[in-house]
PDB file of N, CA and C in Angstrom:
ATOM      1  N   MET A   1      10.537  34.343  19.474  1.00  0.00           N
ATOM      2  CA  MET A   1      10.292  33.084  18.824  1.00  0.00           C
ATOM      3  C   MET A   1       8.822  32.930  18.415  1.00  0.00           C
ATOM      4  N   GLU A   2       7.908  33.508  19.209  1.00  0.00           N
ATOM      5  CA  GLU A   2       6.488  33.379  18.902  1.00  0.00           C
ATOM      6  C   GLU A   2       6.097  34.042  17.581  1.00  0.00           C
ATOM      7  N   PRO A   3       6.644  35.229  17.235  1.00  0.00           N
ATOM      8  CA  PRO A   3       6.264  35.799  15.925  1.00  0.00           C
ATOM      9  C   PRO A   3       6.699  34.923  14.752  1.00  0.00           C
ATOM     10  N   ILE A   4       7.845  34.300  14.855  1.00  0.00           N
ATOM     11  CA  ILE A   4       8.293  33.406  13.784  1.00  0.00           C
ATOM     12  C   ILE A   4       7.363  32.202  13.686  1.00  0.00           C
ATOM     13  N   MET A   5       6.980  31.652  14.824  1.00  0.00           N
ATOM     14  CA  MET A   5       6.070  30.502  14.824  1.00  0.00           C
ATOM     15  C   MET A   5       4.698  30.894  14.283  1.00  0.00           C
ATOM     16  N   ALA A   6       4.250  32.119  14.581  1.00  0.00           N
ATOM     17  CA  ALA A   6       2.966  32.579  14.050  1.00  0.00           C
ATOM     18  C   ALA A   6       3.018  32.669  12.527  1.00  0.00           C
ATOM     19  N   ILE A   7       4.130  33.140  11.994  1.00  0.00           N
ATOM     20  CA  ILE A   7       4.278  33.220  10.540  1.00  0.00           C
ATOM     21  C   ILE A   7       4.303  31.821   9.929  1.00  0.00           C
ATOM     22  N   VAL A   8       5.007  30.905  10.567  1.00  0.00           N
ATOM     23  CA  VAL A   8       5.072  29.527  10.066  1.00  0.00           C
ATOM     24  C   VAL A   8       3.686  28.879  10.080  1.00  0.00           C
ATOM     25  N   VAL A   9       2.920  29.099  11.155  1.00  0.00           N
ATOM     26  CA  VAL A   9       1.565  28.551  11.236  1.00  0.00           C
ATOM     27  C   VAL A   9       0.697  29.144  10.137  1.00  0.00           C
ATOM     28  N   GLY A  10       0.795  30.447   9.916  1.00  0.00           N
ATOM     29  CA  GLY A  10       0.021  31.082   8.859  1.00  0.00           C
ATOM     30  C   GLY A  10       0.383  30.549   7.482  1.00  0.00           C
ATOM     31  N   LEU A  11       1.672  30.340   7.239  1.00  0.00           N
ATOM     32  CA  LEU A  11       2.099  29.785   5.956  1.00  0.00           C
ATOM     33  C   LEU A  11       1.606  28.351   5.777  1.00  0.00           C
ATOM     34  N   LEU A  12       1.631  27.566   6.843  1.00  0.00           N
ATOM     35  CA  LEU A  12       1.127  26.196   6.752  1.00  0.00           C
ATOM     36  C   LEU A  12      -0.373  26.170   6.483  1.00  0.00           C
ATOM     37  N   PHE A  13      -1.128  27.041   7.143  1.00  0.00           N
ATOM     38  CA  PHE A  13      -2.565  27.106   6.884  1.00  0.00           C
ATOM     39  C   PHE A  13      -2.841  27.553   5.448  1.00  0.00           C
ATOM     40  N   ALA A  14      -2.096  28.557   4.970  1.00  0.00           N
ATOM     41  CA  ALA A  14      -2.287  29.033   3.601  1.00  0.00           C
ATOM     42  C   ALA A  14      -1.940  27.946   2.587  1.00  0.00           C
ATOM     43  N   ALA A  15      -0.842  27.243   2.815  1.00  0.00           N
ATOM     44  CA  ALA A  15      -0.452  26.167   1.902  1.00  0.00           C
ATOM     45  C   ALA A  15      -1.470  25.032   1.925  1.00  0.00           C
ATOM     46  N   SER A  16      -2.005  24.730   3.098  1.00  0.00           N
ATOM     47  CA  SER A  16      -2.979  23.634   3.177  1.00  0.00           C
ATOM     48  C   SER A  16      -4.277  23.997   2.465  1.00  0.00           C
ATOM     49  N   VAL A  17      -4.742  25.228   2.623  1.00  0.00           N
ATOM     50  CA  VAL A  17      -5.960  25.644   1.918  1.00  0.00           C
ATOM     51  C   VAL A  17      -5.727  25.640   0.411  1.00  0.00           C
ATOM     52  N   TYR A  18      -4.566  26.113  -0.019  1.00  0.00           N
ATOM     53  CA  TYR A  18      -4.237  26.105  -1.446  1.00  0.00           C
ATOM     54  C   TYR A  18      -4.225  24.679  -1.991  1.00  0.00           C
ATOM     55  N   MET A  19      -3.619  23.762  -1.252  1.00  0.00           N
ATOM     56  CA  MET A  19      -3.559  22.378  -1.719  1.00  0.00           C
ATOM     57  C   MET A  19      -4.941  21.720  -1.736  1.00  0.00           C
ATOM     58  N   MET A  20      -5.779  22.053  -0.765  1.00  0.00           N
ATOM     59  CA  MET A  20      -7.107  21.447  -0.734  1.00  0.00           C
ATOM     60  C   MET A  20      -8.024  21.988  -1.820  1.00  0.00           C
ATOM     61  N   LEU A  21      -7.716  23.141  -2.376  1.00  0.00           N
ATOM     62  CA  LEU A  21      -8.536  23.701  -3.450  1.00  0.00           C
ATOM     63  C   LEU A  21      -8.117  23.199  -4.827  1.00  0.00           C
ATOM     64  N   ARG A  22      -7.076  22.402  -4.911  1.00  0.00           N
ATOM     65  CA  ARG A  22      -6.635  21.819  -6.182  1.00  0.00           C
ATOM     66  C   ARG A  22      -7.580  20.693  -6.576  1.00  0.00           C
ATOM     67  N   ARG A  23      -7.553  20.307  -7.839  1.00  0.00           N
ATOM     68  CA  ARG A  23      -8.476  19.281  -8.322  1.00  0.00           C
ATOM     69  C   ARG A  23      -7.956  17.865  -8.098  1.00  0.00           C
ATOM     70  N   SER A  24      -6.715  17.702  -7.783  1.00  0.00           N
ATOM     71  CA  SER A  24      -6.151  16.375  -7.582  1.00  0.00           C
ATOM     72  C   SER A  24      -6.489  15.877  -6.178  1.00  0.00           C
ATOM     73  N   ILE A  25      -6.896  14.638  -6.099  1.00  0.00           N
ATOM     74  CA  ILE A  25      -7.262  14.086  -4.796  1.00  0.00           C
ATOM     75  C   ILE A  25      -6.025  13.841  -3.926  1.00  0.00           C
ATOM     76  N   VAL A  26      -4.881  13.596  -4.567  1.00  0.00           N
ATOM     77  CA  VAL A  26      -3.641  13.429  -3.801  1.00  0.00           C
ATOM     78  C   VAL A  26      -3.255  14.758  -3.146  1.00  0.00           C
ATOM     79  N   LYS A  27      -3.409  15.855  -3.876  1.00  0.00           N
ATOM     80  CA  LYS A  27      -3.120  17.173  -3.310  1.00  0.00           C
ATOM     81  C   LYS A  27      -4.100  17.520  -2.196  1.00  0.00           C
ATOM     82  N   LEU A  28      -5.319  17.024  -2.292  1.00  0.00           N
ATOM     83  CA  LEU A  28      -6.295  17.223  -1.226  1.00  0.00           C
ATOM     84  C   LEU A  28      -5.817  16.562   0.066  1.00  0.00           C
ATOM     85  N   VAL A  29      -5.305  15.354  -0.038  1.00  0.00           N
ATOM     86  CA  VAL A  29      -4.822  14.648   1.160  1.00  0.00           C
ATOM     87  C   VAL A  29      -3.569  15.317   1.713  1.00  0.00           C
ATOM     88  N   ILE A  30      -2.691  15.780   0.835  1.00  0.00           N
ATOM     89  CA  ILE A  30      -1.510  16.510   1.308  1.00  0.00           C
ATOM     90  C   ILE A  30      -1.941  17.783   2.026  1.00  0.00           C
ATOM     91  N   GLY A  31      -2.965  18.462   1.514  1.00  0.00           N
ATOM     92  CA  GLY A  31      -3.497  19.647   2.181  1.00  0.00           C
ATOM     93  C   GLY A  31      -4.082  19.317   3.549  1.00  0.00           C
ATOM     94  N   LEU A  32      -4.774  18.185   3.653  1.00  0.00           N
ATOM     95  CA  LEU A  32      -5.309  17.770   4.957  1.00  0.00           C
ATOM     96  C   LEU A  32      -4.193  17.489   5.951  1.00  0.00           C
ATOM     97  N   MET A  33      -3.117  16.875   5.457  1.00  0.00           N
ATOM     98  CA  MET A  33      -1.980  16.586   6.324  1.00  0.00           C
ATOM     99  C   MET A  33      -1.322  17.887   6.803  1.00  0.00           C
ATOM    100  N   LEU A  34      -1.159  18.843   5.890  1.00  0.00           N
ATOM    101  CA  LEU A  34      -0.586  20.140   6.279  1.00  0.00           C
ATOM    102  C   LEU A  34      -1.496  20.876   7.259  1.00  0.00           C
ATOM    103  N   LEU A  35      -2.810  20.751   7.051  1.00  0.00           N
ATOM    104  CA  LEU A  35      -3.760  21.413   7.944  1.00  0.00           C
ATOM    105  C   LEU A  35      -3.666  20.852   9.363  1.00  0.00           C
ATOM    106  N   SER A  36      -3.551  19.542   9.478  1.00  0.00           N
ATOM    107  CA  SER A  36      -3.441  18.961  10.819  1.00  0.00           C
ATOM    108  C   SER A  36      -2.126  19.363  11.488  1.00  0.00           C
ATOM    109  N   ASN A  37      -1.040  19.424  10.714  1.00  0.00           N
ATOM    110  CA  ASN A  37       0.233  19.862  11.285  1.00  0.00           C
ATOM    111  C   ASN A  37       0.183  21.330  11.691  1.00  0.00           C
ATOM    112  N   ALA A  38      -0.490  22.157  10.889  1.00  0.00           N
ATOM    113  CA  ALA A  38      -0.620  23.572  11.235  1.00  0.00           C
ATOM    114  C   ALA A  38      -1.439  23.747  12.516  1.00  0.00           C
ATOM    115  N   ALA A  39      -2.505  22.973  12.654  1.00  0.00           N
ATOM    116  CA  ALA A  39      -3.320  23.066  13.873  1.00  0.00           C
ATOM    117  C   ALA A  39      -2.531  22.624  15.101  1.00  0.00           C
ATOM    118  N   ASN A  40      -1.741  21.572  14.954  1.00  0.00           N
ATOM    119  CA  ASN A  40      -0.906  21.117  16.075  1.00  0.00           C
ATOM    120  C   ASN A  40       0.119  22.177  16.463  1.00  0.00           C
ATOM    121  N   LEU A  41       0.745  22.780  15.471  1.00  0.00           N
ATOM    122  CA  LEU A  41       1.734  23.820  15.741  1.00  0.00           C
ATOM    123  C   LEU A  41       1.074  25.054  16.365  1.00  0.00           C
ATOM    124  N   LEU A  42      -0.154  25.348  15.952  1.00  0.00           N
ATOM    125  CA  LEU A  42      -0.876  26.478  16.538  1.00  0.00           C
ATOM    126  C   LEU A  42      -1.163  26.235  18.019  1.00  0.00           C
ATOM    127  N   ILE A  43      -1.599  25.037  18.358  1.00  0.00           N
ATOM    128  CA  ILE A  43      -1.855  24.709  19.765  1.00  0.00           C
ATOM    129  C   ILE A  43      -0.562  24.802  20.570  1.00  0.00           C
ATOM    130  N   PHE A  44       0.502  24.273  19.997  1.00  0.00           N
ATOM    131  CA  PHE A  44       1.788  24.281  20.695  1.00  0.00           C
ATOM    132  C   PHE A  44       2.289  25.709  20.906  1.00  0.00           C
ATOM    133  N   THR A  45       2.136  26.560  19.904  1.00  0.00           N
ATOM    134  CA  THR A  45       2.590  27.949  20.010  1.00  0.00           C
ATOM    135  C   THR A  45       1.706  28.753  20.957  1.00  0.00           C
ATOM    136  N   ALA A  46       0.392  28.528  20.896  1.00  0.00           N
ATOM    137  CA  ALA A  46      -0.525  29.271  21.758  1.00  0.00           C
ATOM    138  C   ALA A  46      -0.340  28.918  23.229  1.00  0.00           C
ATOM    139  N   SER A  47       0.150  27.718  23.501  1.00  0.00           N
ATOM    140  CA  SER A  47       0.334  27.323  24.898  1.00  0.00           C
ATOM    141  C   SER A  47       1.578  27.957  25.514  1.00  0.00           C
ATOM    142  N   GLY A  48       2.415  28.534  24.696  1.00  0.00           N
ATOM    143  CA  GLY A  48       3.618  29.185  25.221  1.00  0.00           C
ATOM    144  C   GLY A  48       4.834  28.305  25.039  1.00  0.00           C
ATOM    145  N   LEU A  49       5.869  28.909  24.528  1.00  0.00           N
ATOM    146  CA  LEU A  49       7.107  28.170  24.306  1.00  0.00           C
ATOM    147  C   LEU A  49       8.024  28.372  25.500  1.00  0.00           C
ATOM    148  N   THR A  50       7.759  27.646  26.562  1.00  0.00           N
ATOM    149  CA  THR A  50       8.529  27.768  27.792  1.00  0.00           C
ATOM    150  C   THR A  50       9.454  26.573  27.927  1.00  0.00           C
ATOM    151  N   ARG A  51      10.726  26.880  28.008  1.00  0.00           N
ATOM    152  CA  ARG A  51      11.676  25.811  28.309  1.00  0.00           C
ATOM    153  C   ARG A  51      11.794  25.726  29.818  1.00  0.00           C
ATOM    154  N   GLY A  52      11.531  24.579  30.321  1.00  0.00           N
ATOM    155  CA  GLY A  52      11.606  24.433  31.772  1.00  0.00           C
ATOM    156  C   GLY A  52      11.742  22.988  32.152  1.00  0.00           C
ATOM    157  N   ALA A  53      11.669  22.763  33.415  1.00  0.00           N
ATOM    158  CA  ALA A  53      11.767  21.419  33.955  1.00  0.00           C
ATOM    159  C   ALA A  53      10.438  20.697  33.746  1.00  0.00           C
ATOM    160  N   PRO A  54      10.401  19.404  33.984  1.00  0.00           N
ATOM    161  CA  PRO A  54       9.125  18.700  33.906  1.00  0.00           C
ATOM    162  C   PRO A  54       8.144  19.261  34.929  1.00  0.00           C
ATOM    163  N   PRO A  55       6.861  19.121  34.675  1.00  0.00           N
ATOM    164  CA  PRO A  55       5.861  19.700  35.578  1.00  0.00           C
ATOM    165  C   PRO A  55       5.672  18.873  36.843  1.00  0.00           C
ATOM    166  N   LEU A  56       6.694  18.828  37.649  1.00  0.00           N
ATOM    167  CA  LEU A  56       6.638  18.090  38.905  1.00  0.00           C
ATOM    168  C   LEU A  56       6.761  19.066  40.072  1.00  0.00           C
ATOM    169  N   ILE A  57       5.962  18.816  41.100  1.00  0.00           N
ATOM    170  CA  ILE A  57       6.006  19.651  42.298  1.00  0.00           C
ATOM    171  C   ILE A  57       6.738  18.873  43.377  1.00  0.00           C
ATOM    172  N   PRO A  58       7.763  19.481  43.962  1.00  0.00           N
ATOM    173  CA  PRO A  58       8.497  18.765  45.021  1.00  0.00           C
ATOM    174  C   PRO A  58       7.591  18.441  46.210  1.00  0.00           C
ATOM    175  N   GLU A  59       7.968  17.429  46.937  1.00  0.00           N
ATOM    176  CA  GLU A  59       7.169  17.013  48.084  1.00  0.00           C
ATOM    177  C   GLU A  59       7.159  18.111  49.143  1.00  0.00           C
ATOM    178  N   GLY A  60       5.971  18.452  49.597  1.00  0.00           N
ATOM    179  CA  GLY A  60       5.810  19.478  50.621  1.00  0.00           C
ATOM    180  C   GLY A  60       5.589  20.868  50.051  1.00  0.00           C
ATOM    181  N   ALA A  61       5.781  21.073  48.769  1.00  0.00           N
ATOM    182  CA  ALA A  61       5.576  22.395  48.162  1.00  0.00           C
ATOM    183  C   ALA A  61       4.147  22.498  47.646  1.00  0.00           C
ATOM    184  N   MET A  62       3.634  23.717  47.614  1.00  0.00           N
ATOM    185  CA  MET A  62       2.274  23.951  47.127  1.00  0.00           C
ATOM    186  C   MET A  62       2.248  24.279  45.638  1.00  0.00           C
ATOM    187  N   ALA A  63       3.386  24.668  45.091  1.00  0.00           N
ATOM    188  CA  ALA A  63       3.459  25.053  43.678  1.00  0.00           C
ATOM    189  C   ALA A  63       4.861  24.720  43.165  1.00  0.00           C
ATOM    190  N   PRO A  64       5.029  24.663  41.863  1.00  0.00           N
ATOM    191  CA  PRO A  64       6.376  24.427  41.330  1.00  0.00           C
ATOM    192  C   PRO A  64       7.320  25.551  41.724  1.00  0.00           C
ATOM    193  N   LEU A  65       8.585  25.212  41.898  1.00  0.00           N
ATOM    194  CA  LEU A  65       9.564  26.199  42.353  1.00  0.00           C
ATOM    195  C   LEU A  65      10.070  27.088  41.222  1.00  0.00           C
ATOM    196  N   GLY A  66      10.106  26.605  40.022  1.00  0.00           N
ATOM    197  CA  GLY A  66      10.619  27.385  38.890  1.00  0.00           C
ATOM    198  C   GLY A  66       9.695  27.270  37.692  1.00  0.00           C
ATOM    199  N   PRO A  67      10.172  27.730  36.544  1.00  0.00           N
ATOM    200  CA  PRO A  67       9.343  27.598  35.347  1.00  0.00           C
ATOM    201  C   PRO A  67       9.238  26.132  34.914  1.00  0.00           C
ATOM    202  N   VAL A  68       8.029  25.730  34.595  1.00  0.00           N
ATOM    203  CA  VAL A  68       7.794  24.348  34.169  1.00  0.00           C
ATOM    204  C   VAL A  68       7.024  24.353  32.851  1.00  0.00           C
ATOM    205  N   ALA A  69       7.142  23.266  32.123  1.00  0.00           N
ATOM    206  CA  ALA A  69       6.411  23.102  30.866  1.00  0.00           C
ATOM    207  C   ALA A  69       4.992  22.634  31.176  1.00  0.00           C
ATOM    208  N   ASP A  70       4.032  23.150  30.412  1.00  0.00           N
ATOM    209  CA  ASP A  70       2.637  22.762  30.595  1.00  0.00           C
ATOM    210  C   ASP A  70       2.394  21.434  29.870  1.00  0.00           C
ATOM    211  N   PRO A  71       1.971  20.388  30.556  1.00  0.00           N
ATOM    212  CA  PRO A  71       1.816  19.086  29.900  1.00  0.00           C
ATOM    213  C   PRO A  71       0.522  18.938  29.106  1.00  0.00           C
ATOM    214  N   LEU A  72      -0.489  19.778  29.352  1.00  0.00           N
ATOM    215  CA  LEU A  72      -1.778  19.608  28.682  1.00  0.00           C
ATOM    216  C   LEU A  72      -1.696  19.815  27.169  1.00  0.00           C
ATOM    217  N   PRO A  73      -1.086  20.899  26.673  1.00  0.00           N
ATOM    218  CA  PRO A  73      -1.003  21.047  25.210  1.00  0.00           C
ATOM    219  C   PRO A  73      -0.197  19.921  24.556  1.00  0.00           C
ATOM    220  N   GLN A  74       0.811  19.430  25.249  1.00  0.00           N
ATOM    221  CA  GLN A  74       1.601  18.335  24.695  1.00  0.00           C
ATOM    222  C   GLN A  74       0.761  17.069  24.576  1.00  0.00           C
ATOM    223  N   ALA A  75      -0.085  16.818  25.564  1.00  0.00           N
ATOM    224  CA  ALA A  75      -0.964  15.645  25.507  1.00  0.00           C
ATOM    225  C   ALA A  75      -2.013  15.805  24.412  1.00  0.00           C
ATOM    226  N   LEU A  76      -2.554  17.016  24.267  1.00  0.00           N
ATOM    227  CA  LEU A  76      -3.539  17.266  23.209  1.00  0.00           C
ATOM    228  C   LEU A  76      -2.921  17.081  21.823  1.00  0.00           C
ATOM    229  N   ILE A  77      -1.713  17.577  21.650  1.00  0.00           N
ATOM    230  CA  ILE A  77      -1.047  17.462  20.355  1.00  0.00           C
ATOM    231  C   ILE A  77      -0.713  16.001  20.061  1.00  0.00           C
ATOM    232  N   LEU A  78      -0.278  15.263  21.049  1.00  0.00           N
ATOM    233  CA  LEU A  78       0.022  13.849  20.840  1.00  0.00           C
ATOM    234  C   LEU A  78      -1.231  13.091  20.412  1.00  0.00           C
ATOM    235  N   THR A  79      -2.355  13.383  21.048  1.00  0.00           N
ATOM    236  CA  THR A  79      -3.616  12.759  20.659  1.00  0.00           C
ATOM    237  C   THR A  79      -4.014  13.160  19.248  1.00  0.00           C
ATOM    238  N   ALA A  80      -3.841  14.435  18.918  1.00  0.00           N
ATOM    239  CA  ALA A  80      -4.189  14.916  17.581  1.00  0.00           C
ATOM    240  C   ALA A  80      -3.302  14.282  16.510  1.00  0.00           C
ATOM    241  N   ILE A  81      -2.042  14.044  16.820  1.00  0.00           N
ATOM    242  CA  ILE A  81      -1.139  13.402  15.858  1.00  0.00           C
ATOM    243  C   ILE A  81      -1.609  11.980  15.568  1.00  0.00           C
ATOM    244  N   VAL A  82      -2.008  11.250  16.592  1.00  0.00           N
ATOM    245  CA  VAL A  82      -2.479   9.880  16.402  1.00  0.00           C
ATOM    246  C   VAL A  82      -3.763   9.864  15.573  1.00  0.00           C
ATOM    247  N   ILE A  83      -4.685  10.766  15.873  1.00  0.00           N
ATOM    248  CA  ILE A  83      -5.932  10.832  15.123  1.00  0.00           C
ATOM    249  C   ILE A  83      -5.667  11.239  13.675  1.00  0.00           C
ATOM    250  N   ALA A  84      -4.784  12.207  13.456  1.00  0.00           N
ATOM    251  CA  ALA A  84      -4.459  12.637  12.097  1.00  0.00           C
ATOM    252  C   ALA A  84      -3.806  11.518  11.305  1.00  0.00           C
ATOM    253  N   PHE A  85      -2.977  10.705  11.953  1.00  0.00           N
ATOM    254  CA  PHE A  85      -2.367   9.574  11.261  1.00  0.00           C
ATOM    255  C   PHE A  85      -3.424   8.562  10.848  1.00  0.00           C
ATOM    256  N   GLY A  86      -4.394   8.309  11.703  1.00  0.00           N
ATOM    257  CA  GLY A  86      -5.485   7.396  11.354  1.00  0.00           C
ATOM    258  C   GLY A  86      -6.317   7.912  10.195  1.00  0.00           C
ATOM    259  N   VAL A  87      -6.637   9.200  10.211  1.00  0.00           N
ATOM    260  CA  VAL A  87      -7.398   9.803   9.120  1.00  0.00           C
ATOM    261  C   VAL A  87      -6.594   9.756   7.827  1.00  0.00           C
ATOM    262  N   LEU A  88      -5.300  10.026   7.903  1.00  0.00           N
ATOM    263  CA  LEU A  88      -4.449   9.985   6.720  1.00  0.00           C
ATOM    264  C   LEU A  88      -4.364   8.574   6.145  1.00  0.00           C
ATOM    265  N   ALA A  89      -4.217   7.586   6.995  1.00  0.00           N
ATOM    266  CA  ALA A  89      -4.165   6.203   6.517  1.00  0.00           C
ATOM    267  C   ALA A  89      -5.476   5.808   5.850  1.00  0.00           C
ATOM    268  N   PHE A  90      -6.598   6.194   6.444  1.00  0.00           N
ATOM    269  CA  PHE A  90      -7.903   5.907   5.843  1.00  0.00           C
ATOM    270  C   PHE A  90      -8.045   6.614   4.501  1.00  0.00           C
ATOM    271  N   ALA A  91      -7.612   7.872   4.418  1.00  0.00           N
ATOM    272  CA  ALA A  91      -7.727   8.623   3.175  1.00  0.00           C
ATOM    273  C   ALA A  91      -6.856   8.024   2.074  1.00  0.00           C
ATOM    274  N   VAL A  92      -5.669   7.552   2.421  1.00  0.00           N
ATOM    275  CA  VAL A  92      -4.790   6.942   1.413  1.00  0.00           C
ATOM    276  C   VAL A  92      -5.414   5.664   0.866  1.00  0.00           C
ATOM    277  N   VAL A  93      -5.987   4.841   1.730  1.00  0.00           N
ATOM    278  CA  VAL A  93      -6.642   3.619   1.270  1.00  0.00           C
ATOM    279  C   VAL A  93      -7.862   3.958   0.420  1.00  0.00           C
ATOM    280  N   LEU A  94      -8.618   4.963   0.828  1.00  0.00           N
ATOM    281  CA  LEU A  94      -9.791   5.384   0.060  1.00  0.00           C
ATOM    282  C   LEU A  94      -9.395   5.923  -1.307  1.00  0.00           C
ATOM    283  N   ILE A  95      -8.330   6.687  -1.367  1.00  0.00           N
ATOM    284  CA  ILE A  95      -7.850   7.218  -2.647  1.00  0.00           C
ATOM    285  C   ILE A  95      -7.375   6.087  -3.548  1.00  0.00           C
ATOM    286  N   HIS A  96      -6.658   5.141  -2.975  1.00  0.00           N
ATOM    287  CA  HIS A  96      -6.169   4.012  -3.769  1.00  0.00           C
ATOM    288  C   HIS A  96      -7.336   3.234  -4.380  1.00  0.00           C
ATOM    289  N   ARG A  97      -8.354   2.991  -3.590  1.00  0.00           N
ATOM    290  CA  ARG A  97      -9.527   2.249  -4.087  1.00  0.00           C
ATOM    291  C   ARG A  97     -10.271   3.056  -5.148  1.00  0.00           C
ATOM    292  N   ALA A  98     -10.420   4.351  -4.919  1.00  0.00           N
ATOM    293  CA  ALA A  98     -11.111   5.193  -5.908  1.00  0.00           C
ATOM    294  C   ALA A  98     -10.320   5.264  -7.207  1.00  0.00           C
ATOM    295  N   TYR A  99      -9.018   5.317  -7.114  1.00  0.00           N
ATOM    296  CA  TYR A  99      -8.204   5.362  -8.328  1.00  0.00           C
ATOM    297  C   TYR A  99      -8.287   4.041  -9.094  1.00  0.00           C
ATOM    298  N   GLU A 100      -8.364   2.917  -8.378  1.00  0.00           N
ATOM    299  CA  GLU A 100      -8.527   1.628  -9.056  1.00  0.00           C
ATOM    300  C   GLU A 100      -9.828   1.569  -9.839  1.00  0.00           C
ATOM    301  N   ILE A 101     -10.887   2.143  -9.294  1.00  0.00           N
ATOM    302  CA  ILE A 101     -12.197   2.080  -9.946  1.00  0.00           C
ATOM    303  C   ILE A 101     -12.308   3.095 -11.074  1.00  0.00           C
ATOM    304  N   VAL A 102     -11.929   4.343 -10.825  1.00  0.00           N
ATOM    305  CA  VAL A 102     -12.157   5.434 -11.771  1.00  0.00           C
ATOM    306  C   VAL A 102     -10.999   5.581 -12.761  1.00  0.00           C
ATOM    307  N   GLN A 103      -9.806   5.184 -12.376  1.00  0.00           N
ATOM    308  CA  GLN A 103      -8.595   5.361 -13.188  1.00  0.00           C
ATOM    309  C   GLN A 103      -8.306   6.834 -13.459  1.00  0.00           C
ATOM    310  N   ALA A 104      -8.593   7.686 -12.476  1.00  0.00           N
ATOM    311  CA  ALA A 104      -8.330   9.117 -12.614  1.00  0.00           C
ATOM    312  C   ALA A 104      -8.038   9.701 -11.240  1.00  0.00           C
ATOM    313  N   ASP A 105      -7.231  10.749 -11.253  1.00  0.00           N
ATOM    314  CA  ASP A 105      -6.869  11.445 -10.023  1.00  0.00           C
ATOM    315  C   ASP A 105      -7.655  12.738  -9.872  1.00  0.00           C
ATOM    316  N   ASP A 106      -8.291  13.172 -10.941  1.00  0.00           N
ATOM    317  CA  ASP A 106      -9.005  14.446 -10.978  1.00  0.00           C
ATOM    318  C   ASP A 106     -10.371  14.313 -10.299  1.00  0.00           C
ATOM    319  N   LEU A 107     -10.674  15.231  -9.400  1.00  0.00           N
ATOM    320  CA  LEU A 107     -11.948  15.177  -8.688  1.00  0.00           C
ATOM    321  C   LEU A 107     -13.133  15.410  -9.611  1.00  0.00           C
ATOM    322  N   ASP A 108     -12.966  16.212 -10.658  1.00  0.00           N
ATOM    323  CA  ASP A 108     -14.060  16.443 -11.609  1.00  0.00           C
ATOM    324  C   ASP A 108     -14.393  15.169 -12.379  1.00  0.00           C
ATOM    325  N   GLN A 109     -13.396  14.396 -12.736  1.00  0.00           N
ATOM    326  CA  GLN A 109     -13.649  13.130 -13.429  1.00  0.00           C
ATOM    327  C   GLN A 109     -14.281  12.112 -12.489  1.00  0.00           C
ATOM    328  N   MET A 110     -13.941  12.176 -11.224  1.00  0.00           N
ATOM    329  CA  MET A 110     -14.574  11.271 -10.262  1.00  0.00           C
ATOM    330  C   MET A 110     -16.025  11.630 -10.052  1.00  0.00           C
ATOM    331  N   LYS A 111     -16.349  12.919 -10.136  1.00  0.00           N
ATOM    332  CA  LYS A 111     -17.726  13.358  -9.949  1.00  0.00           C
ATOM    333  C   LYS A 111     -18.622  12.886 -11.098  1.00  0.00           C
ATOM    334  N   GLU A 112     -18.054  12.728 -12.288  1.00  0.00           N
ATOM    335  CA  GLU A 112     -18.834  12.285 -13.441  1.00  0.00           C
ATOM    336  C   GLU A 112     -19.283  10.844 -13.312  1.00  0.00           C
ATOM    337  N   THR A 113     -18.648  10.065 -12.470  1.00  0.00           N
ATOM    338  CA  THR A 113     -19.000   8.652 -12.308  1.00  0.00           C
ATOM    339  C   THR A 113     -20.103   8.446 -11.277  1.00  0.00           C
ATOM    340  N   ASP A 114     -20.654   9.500 -10.703  1.00  0.00           N
ATOM    341  CA  ASP A 114     -21.674   9.362  -9.660  1.00  0.00           C
ATOM    342  C   ASP A 114     -22.982   8.810 -10.173  1.00  0.00           C
ATOM    343  N   SER A 115     -23.354   9.117 -11.380  1.00  0.00           N
ATOM    344  CA  SER A 115     -24.683   8.710 -11.868  1.00  0.00           C
ATOM    345  C   SER A 115     -24.743   7.300 -12.357  1.00  0.00           C
TER     346      SER A 115
END
């Protein structure tokens, strides 16, 4: 399963870089969204895809009795999802405001309005 996930992560990173190199600001935000999802999937895959019980240790035991899921990568990914959603919401509002002012989606046309 890990080789398939590695290929999926690589494809997501490649697609996100391709989208961020486009001139449209909407495609830039879509690329940022894909990049954050690729990073989350990379963390999840690197932590190991172990199906197991919750990470609870029975009373009196020094270690878990069987295979357990690691809760740290899941907590990191959950935090990253919340932060990525906030960044995405801010970027959408910023794009909407920039489009109202410039009346263009092209980054080159937006750059001409700097002076």
